[in-house]
Amino acid sequence: MVVYRPPYSQGHQLTIPQFIDEFLETFTHEISSLEIFIVSGDFNIEVDVADDPDVQAFVESMYVLRLDQHVNCETHVKGHILDHI
């Protein structure tokens, strides 16, 4: 499954906590019905900023879903890891 989460803006007012709720709801069902499951995309969540509470919640949601992050280098021209596999 490919995911794109635009960054929060006036035109896209989905917060990271709201995204996490939808992410958990969607993928809990999908993962339980498949043996192998790959998620990739641009989540626009800087997972390398460990002291951000939203990042911590997102990483926890990946842990709950038993998903592993395989990208470990910057994926944005201004730095940070925004993309996930």
N, C-alpha and C. Protein backbone atom coordinates (compact mmCIF):
# COMPACT_ATOMS: atom_id res chain seq x y z
N MET A 1 0.85 -1.16 0.00
CA MET A 1 0.00 0.00 0.00
C MET A 1 0.90 1.23 0.00
N VAL A 2 0.51 2.23 -0.78
CA VAL A 2 1.24 3.49 -0.85
C VAL A 2 0.43 4.57 -0.15
N VAL A 3 1.11 5.36 0.68
CA VAL A 3 0.45 6.41 1.45
C VAL A 3 1.11 7.74 1.15
N TYR A 4 0.30 8.77 0.94
CA TYR A 4 0.81 10.14 0.90
C TYR A 4 -0.01 10.96 1.86
N ARG A 5 0.65 11.56 2.82
CA ARG A 5 0.01 12.48 3.76
C ARG A 5 0.57 13.86 3.52
N PRO A 6 -0.23 14.76 2.92
CA PRO A 6 0.28 16.13 2.70
C PRO A 6 0.57 16.79 4.04
N PRO A 7 1.51 17.72 4.06
CA PRO A 7 1.76 18.43 5.32
C PRO A 7 0.53 19.26 5.70
N TYR A 8 0.39 19.52 6.98
CA TYR A 8 -0.73 20.32 7.47
C TYR A 8 -0.68 21.70 6.81
N SER A 9 -1.82 22.16 6.33
CA SER A 9 -1.92 23.48 5.70
C SER A 9 -3.37 23.94 5.78
N GLN A 10 -3.62 25.15 5.31
CA GLN A 10 -4.99 25.66 5.29
C GLN A 10 -5.89 24.75 4.46
N GLY A 11 -5.36 24.23 3.36
CA GLY A 11 -6.14 23.36 2.49
C GLY A 11 -6.21 21.91 2.95
N HIS A 12 -5.32 21.53 3.83
CA HIS A 12 -5.27 20.15 4.34
C HIS A 12 -5.08 20.21 5.85
N GLN A 13 -6.16 20.18 6.59
CA GLN A 13 -6.11 20.40 8.02
C GLN A 13 -6.18 19.11 8.84
N LEU A 14 -5.60 18.05 8.33
CA LEU A 14 -5.53 16.79 9.06
C LEU A 14 -4.26 16.81 9.91
N THR A 15 -4.41 16.80 11.22
CA THR A 15 -3.26 16.83 12.11
C THR A 15 -2.59 15.45 12.15
N ILE A 16 -1.38 15.42 12.68
CA ILE A 16 -0.68 14.14 12.82
C ILE A 16 -1.45 13.19 13.73
N PRO A 17 -1.96 13.64 14.90
CA PRO A 17 -2.75 12.70 15.72
C PRO A 17 -3.98 12.15 14.99
N GLN A 18 -4.65 12.97 14.19
CA GLN A 18 -5.79 12.48 13.41
C GLN A 18 -5.33 11.45 12.38
N PHE A 19 -4.20 11.74 11.73
CA PHE A 19 -3.64 10.81 10.76
C PHE A 19 -3.30 9.48 11.42
N ILE A 20 -2.69 9.53 12.60
CA ILE A 20 -2.31 8.31 13.31
C ILE A 20 -3.55 7.47 13.61
N ASP A 21 -4.62 8.11 14.05
CA ASP A 21 -5.87 7.38 14.31
C ASP A 21 -6.36 6.66 13.06
N GLU A 22 -6.37 7.36 11.93
CA GLU A 22 -6.82 6.76 10.67
C GLU A 22 -5.85 5.67 10.21
N PHE A 23 -4.56 5.92 10.38
CA PHE A 23 -3.52 4.97 10.01
C PHE A 23 -3.73 3.66 10.78
N LEU A 24 -3.92 3.76 12.10
CA LEU A 24 -4.14 2.57 12.93
C LEU A 24 -5.42 1.85 12.53
N GLU A 25 -6.47 2.59 12.32
CA GLU A 25 -7.75 1.99 11.95
C GLU A 25 -7.64 1.25 10.61
N THR A 26 -7.05 1.89 9.64
CA THR A 26 -6.92 1.30 8.31
C THR A 26 -6.00 0.08 8.30
N PHE A 27 -4.82 0.24 8.88
CA PHE A 27 -3.83 -0.82 8.77
C PHE A 27 -4.04 -1.97 9.73
N THR A 28 -4.73 -1.76 10.81
CA THR A 28 -5.05 -2.88 11.70
C THR A 28 -5.85 -3.92 10.94
N HIS A 29 -6.82 -3.48 10.18
CA HIS A 29 -7.63 -4.40 9.39
C HIS A 29 -6.82 -5.01 8.25
N GLU A 30 -6.09 -4.19 7.51
CA GLU A 30 -5.32 -4.68 6.36
C GLU A 30 -4.27 -5.70 6.76
N ILE A 31 -3.53 -5.40 7.79
CA ILE A 31 -2.45 -6.28 8.21
C ILE A 31 -2.97 -7.62 8.71
N SER A 32 -4.10 -7.61 9.38
CA SER A 32 -4.62 -8.87 9.92
C SER A 32 -5.08 -9.82 8.83
N SER A 33 -5.34 -9.31 7.63
CA SER A 33 -5.83 -10.16 6.55
C SER A 33 -4.74 -10.61 5.59
N LEU A 34 -3.49 -10.21 5.82
CA LEU A 34 -2.40 -10.55 4.89
C LEU A 34 -1.21 -11.14 5.64
N GLU A 35 -0.47 -12.00 4.95
CA GLU A 35 0.75 -12.54 5.53
C GLU A 35 1.91 -11.57 5.38
N ILE A 36 2.01 -10.98 4.19
CA ILE A 36 3.08 -10.03 3.90
C ILE A 36 2.42 -8.70 3.56
N PHE A 37 2.95 -7.65 4.15
CA PHE A 37 2.35 -6.35 3.95
C PHE A 37 3.46 -5.30 3.88
N ILE A 38 3.48 -4.51 2.81
CA ILE A 38 4.47 -3.46 2.63
C ILE A 38 3.75 -2.13 2.50
N VAL A 39 4.17 -1.17 3.29
CA VAL A 39 3.63 0.19 3.23
C VAL A 39 4.79 1.09 2.83
N SER A 40 4.57 1.93 1.86
CA SER A 40 5.60 2.91 1.51
C SER A 40 4.92 4.23 1.22
N GLY A 41 5.68 5.29 1.34
CA GLY A 41 5.12 6.58 0.99
C GLY A 41 5.77 7.73 1.71
N ASP A 42 5.19 8.88 1.49
CA ASP A 42 5.63 10.13 2.09
C ASP A 42 4.60 10.51 3.14
N PHE A 43 4.96 10.36 4.39
CA PHE A 43 4.03 10.60 5.49
C PHE A 43 4.14 12.02 6.02
N ASN A 44 5.19 12.75 5.59
CA ASN A 44 5.44 14.10 6.08
C ASN A 44 5.45 14.16 7.60
N ILE A 45 6.07 13.17 8.19
CA ILE A 45 6.31 13.12 9.63
C ILE A 45 7.81 12.89 9.79
N GLU A 46 8.50 13.82 10.43
CA GLU A 46 9.96 13.76 10.56
C GLU A 46 10.35 12.75 11.64
N VAL A 47 10.40 11.48 11.28
CA VAL A 47 10.62 10.43 12.27
C VAL A 47 11.98 10.47 12.95
N ASP A 48 12.89 11.27 12.43
CA ASP A 48 14.20 11.38 13.06
C ASP A 48 14.23 12.47 14.14
N VAL A 49 13.11 13.13 14.40
CA VAL A 49 13.02 14.14 15.47
C VAL A 49 12.39 13.45 16.69
N ALA A 50 13.22 12.73 17.41
CA ALA A 50 12.75 11.81 18.46
C ALA A 50 12.06 12.49 19.63
N ASP A 51 12.32 13.78 19.87
CA ASP A 51 11.71 14.43 21.03
C ASP A 51 10.35 15.08 20.73
N ASP A 52 9.85 14.90 19.51
CA ASP A 52 8.54 15.43 19.13
C ASP A 52 7.46 14.44 19.55
N PRO A 53 6.48 14.88 20.36
CA PRO A 53 5.42 13.96 20.82
C PRO A 53 4.62 13.32 19.67
N ASP A 54 4.39 14.06 18.59
CA ASP A 54 3.68 13.48 17.44
C ASP A 54 4.50 12.37 16.80
N VAL A 55 5.80 12.59 16.69
CA VAL A 55 6.70 11.56 16.13
C VAL A 55 6.69 10.34 17.04
N GLN A 56 6.77 10.56 18.34
CA GLN A 56 6.75 9.44 19.28
C GLN A 56 5.46 8.63 19.14
N ALA A 57 4.33 9.32 18.97
CA ALA A 57 3.05 8.63 18.80
C ALA A 57 3.02 7.86 17.49
N PHE A 58 3.58 8.43 16.42
CA PHE A 58 3.61 7.73 15.14
C PHE A 58 4.49 6.49 15.21
N VAL A 59 5.66 6.64 15.80
CA VAL A 59 6.57 5.49 15.94
C VAL A 59 5.91 4.40 16.78
N GLU A 60 5.21 4.80 17.83
CA GLU A 60 4.48 3.83 18.66
C GLU A 60 3.41 3.11 17.84
N SER A 61 2.72 3.84 16.97
CA SER A 61 1.68 3.20 16.14
C SER A 61 2.31 2.18 15.20
N MET A 62 3.51 2.50 14.67
CA MET A 62 4.20 1.53 13.82
C MET A 62 4.58 0.29 14.63
N TYR A 63 4.99 0.50 15.87
CA TYR A 63 5.34 -0.62 16.75
C TYR A 63 4.12 -1.50 17.02
N VAL A 64 2.99 -0.86 17.32
CA VAL A 64 1.76 -1.58 17.60
C VAL A 64 1.35 -2.44 16.40
N LEU A 65 1.56 -1.90 15.20
CA LEU A 65 1.20 -2.63 13.98
C LEU A 65 2.29 -3.61 13.54
N ARG A 66 3.38 -3.64 14.29
CA ARG A 66 4.52 -4.50 13.98
C ARG A 66 5.13 -4.17 12.63
N LEU A 67 5.22 -2.86 12.34
CA LEU A 67 5.84 -2.37 11.11
C LEU A 67 7.25 -1.89 11.43
N ASP A 68 8.18 -2.15 10.54
CA ASP A 68 9.56 -1.70 10.70
C ASP A 68 9.86 -0.62 9.68
N GLN A 69 10.57 0.41 10.10
CA GLN A 69 11.02 1.47 9.20
C GLN A 69 12.32 1.02 8.55
N HIS A 70 12.39 1.05 7.23
CA HIS A 70 13.59 0.62 6.53
C HIS A 70 14.38 1.77 5.93
N VAL A 71 13.86 2.98 6.01
CA VAL A 71 14.57 4.16 5.52
C VAL A 71 15.32 4.76 6.70
N ASN A 72 16.63 4.93 6.54
CA ASN A 72 17.41 5.46 7.65
C ASN A 72 18.32 6.62 7.25
N CYS A 73 17.97 7.26 6.13
CA CYS A 73 18.74 8.43 5.69
C CYS A 73 17.76 9.54 5.30
N GLU A 74 18.26 10.76 5.22
CA GLU A 74 17.41 11.89 4.89
C GLU A 74 16.73 11.70 3.54
N THR A 75 15.45 12.07 3.46
CA THR A 75 14.69 11.93 2.21
C THR A 75 14.08 13.26 1.77
N HIS A 76 14.51 14.33 2.40
CA HIS A 76 13.98 15.65 2.06
C HIS A 76 15.15 16.60 1.83
N VAL A 77 15.00 17.54 0.90
CA VAL A 77 16.10 18.45 0.57
C VAL A 77 16.53 19.29 1.77
N LYS A 78 15.65 19.50 2.74
CA LYS A 78 15.99 20.27 3.94
C LYS A 78 16.38 19.36 5.10
N GLY A 79 16.59 18.09 4.82
CA GLY A 79 16.94 17.12 5.85
C GLY A 79 15.71 16.40 6.37
N HIS A 80 15.93 15.49 7.27
CA HIS A 80 14.89 14.70 7.93
C HIS A 80 14.42 13.52 7.08
N ILE A 81 13.84 12.56 7.76
CA ILE A 81 13.29 11.36 7.12
C ILE A 81 11.77 11.54 7.08
N LEU A 82 11.24 11.74 5.88
CA LEU A 82 9.80 11.91 5.69
C LEU A 82 9.16 10.71 4.99
N ASP A 83 10.00 9.92 4.33
CA ASP A 83 9.51 8.80 3.55
C ASP A 83 9.71 7.51 4.32
N HIS A 84 8.85 6.55 4.04
CA HIS A 84 8.87 5.31 4.80
C HIS A 84 8.66 4.10 3.90
N ILE A 85 9.32 3.02 4.28
CA ILE A 85 9.07 1.71 3.68
C ILE A 85 9.00 0.73 4.83
